[in-house]
N, C-alpha and C. Protein backbone atom coordinates (compact mmCIF):
# COMPACT_ATOMS: atom_id res chain seq x y z
N MET A 1 0.85 -1.17 0.00
CA MET A 1 0.00 0.00 0.00
C MET A 1 0.90 1.23 0.00
N ASP A 2 0.66 2.09 -0.93
CA ASP A 2 1.42 3.31 -1.07
C ASP A 2 0.98 4.34 -0.03
N VAL A 3 1.89 5.17 0.43
CA VAL A 3 1.57 6.18 1.42
C VAL A 3 0.58 7.19 0.84
N ASN A 4 0.71 7.53 -0.41
CA ASN A 4 -0.21 8.50 -1.02
C ASN A 4 -1.63 7.94 -1.09
N LEU A 5 -1.77 6.65 -1.34
CA LEU A 5 -3.10 6.04 -1.36
C LEU A 5 -3.72 6.10 0.04
N LEU A 6 -2.93 5.86 1.05
CA LEU A 6 -3.43 5.96 2.41
C LEU A 6 -3.87 7.38 2.73
N ARG A 7 -3.10 8.37 2.30
CA ARG A 7 -3.48 9.77 2.51
C ARG A 7 -4.79 10.10 1.81
N VAL A 8 -4.96 9.61 0.59
CA VAL A 8 -6.20 9.86 -0.16
C VAL A 8 -7.38 9.23 0.57
N LEU A 9 -7.21 8.00 1.05
CA LEU A 9 -8.29 7.33 1.77
C LEU A 9 -8.67 8.06 3.04
N VAL A 10 -7.69 8.48 3.82
CA VAL A 10 -7.96 9.19 5.06
C VAL A 10 -8.64 10.53 4.77
N THR A 11 -8.20 11.25 3.75
CA THR A 11 -8.82 12.50 3.39
C THR A 11 -10.26 12.31 2.94
N THR A 12 -10.52 11.29 2.14
CA THR A 12 -11.86 11.01 1.65
C THR A 12 -12.79 10.63 2.80
N VAL A 13 -12.34 9.76 3.68
CA VAL A 13 -13.16 9.35 4.82
C VAL A 13 -13.43 10.56 5.73
N SER A 14 -12.44 11.40 5.94
CA SER A 14 -12.63 12.59 6.78
C SER A 14 -13.63 13.54 6.16
N PHE A 15 -13.58 13.73 4.87
CA PHE A 15 -14.53 14.62 4.19
C PHE A 15 -15.95 14.06 4.28
N ILE A 16 -16.09 12.77 4.06
CA ILE A 16 -17.43 12.17 4.16
C ILE A 16 -17.97 12.29 5.59
N LEU A 17 -17.12 12.09 6.57
CA LEU A 17 -17.52 12.26 7.97
C LEU A 17 -17.94 13.70 8.24
N PHE A 18 -17.19 14.66 7.74
CA PHE A 18 -17.52 16.06 7.91
C PHE A 18 -18.86 16.41 7.30
N VAL A 19 -19.10 15.96 6.11
CA VAL A 19 -20.39 16.22 5.44
C VAL A 19 -21.53 15.57 6.21
N GLY A 20 -21.31 14.38 6.73
CA GLY A 20 -22.33 13.71 7.53
C GLY A 20 -22.67 14.48 8.79
N ILE A 21 -21.65 15.03 9.46
CA ILE A 21 -21.90 15.82 10.67
C ILE A 21 -22.66 17.09 10.32
N VAL A 22 -22.31 17.74 9.22
CA VAL A 22 -23.02 18.97 8.82
C VAL A 22 -24.48 18.66 8.51
N VAL A 23 -24.72 17.59 7.79
CA VAL A 23 -26.12 17.21 7.45
C VAL A 23 -26.88 16.89 8.74
N TRP A 24 -26.27 16.16 9.66
CA TRP A 24 -26.92 15.82 10.92
C TRP A 24 -27.25 17.07 11.73
N ALA A 25 -26.34 18.03 11.75
CA ALA A 25 -26.54 19.23 12.56
C ALA A 25 -27.62 20.14 11.98
N TRP A 26 -27.84 20.14 10.70
CA TRP A 26 -28.80 21.03 10.07
C TRP A 26 -30.15 20.40 9.82
N ARG A 27 -30.36 19.17 10.30
CA ARG A 27 -31.67 18.55 10.14
C ARG A 27 -32.70 19.25 11.01
N LYS A 28 -33.91 19.36 10.53
CA LYS A 28 -34.99 20.07 11.24
C LYS A 28 -35.36 19.39 12.55
N ARG A 29 -35.34 18.07 12.60
CA ARG A 29 -35.81 17.39 13.80
C ARG A 29 -34.82 17.50 14.95
N ASN A 30 -33.59 17.95 14.71
CA ASN A 30 -32.61 18.13 15.78
C ASN A 30 -32.70 19.52 16.40
N THR A 31 -33.50 20.39 15.86
CA THR A 31 -33.55 21.78 16.31
C THR A 31 -33.96 21.88 17.77
N THR A 32 -34.99 21.15 18.17
CA THR A 32 -35.44 21.26 19.54
C THR A 32 -34.39 20.73 20.53
N GLU A 33 -33.73 19.66 20.16
CA GLU A 33 -32.69 19.12 21.03
C GLU A 33 -31.55 20.11 21.21
N PHE A 34 -31.16 20.76 20.13
CA PHE A 34 -30.06 21.72 20.20
C PHE A 34 -30.45 22.95 20.98
N LYS A 35 -31.71 23.39 20.86
CA LYS A 35 -32.17 24.55 21.62
C LYS A 35 -32.19 24.22 23.12
N GLU A 36 -32.63 23.03 23.47
CA GLU A 36 -32.62 22.61 24.86
C GLU A 36 -31.19 22.53 25.40
N ALA A 37 -30.29 22.01 24.61
CA ALA A 37 -28.89 21.90 25.04
C ALA A 37 -28.26 23.28 25.17
N ALA A 38 -28.65 24.21 24.33
CA ALA A 38 -28.09 25.56 24.41
C ALA A 38 -28.54 26.30 25.65
N ASN A 39 -29.72 25.95 26.17
CA ASN A 39 -30.24 26.61 27.35
C ASN A 39 -29.88 25.92 28.67
N LEU A 40 -29.18 24.81 28.63
CA LEU A 40 -28.81 24.10 29.85
C LEU A 40 -28.03 24.94 30.84
N PRO A 41 -27.08 25.78 30.43
CA PRO A 41 -26.35 26.58 31.43
C PRO A 41 -27.22 27.58 32.17
N PHE A 42 -28.36 27.93 31.60
CA PHE A 42 -29.21 28.94 32.20
C PHE A 42 -30.32 28.36 33.08
N ASN A 43 -30.47 27.05 33.09
CA ASN A 43 -31.48 26.40 33.92
C ASN A 43 -31.02 26.42 35.37
N GLU A 44 -31.93 26.83 36.25
CA GLU A 44 -31.62 26.84 37.68
C GLU A 44 -32.33 25.66 38.32
N ASP A 45 -31.58 24.92 39.09
CA ASP A 45 -32.17 23.77 39.78
C ASP A 45 -32.56 24.12 41.18
């Protein structure tokens, strides 16, 4: 296995993972969960 092939594979997998995280973060059904998580520091127990 060539070092350059390994670099290409790691870069491709990293890019696919990045795109997956972006898509997951911008989904509509995650909005309420993220808003609740954003307000956690302000909740008083």
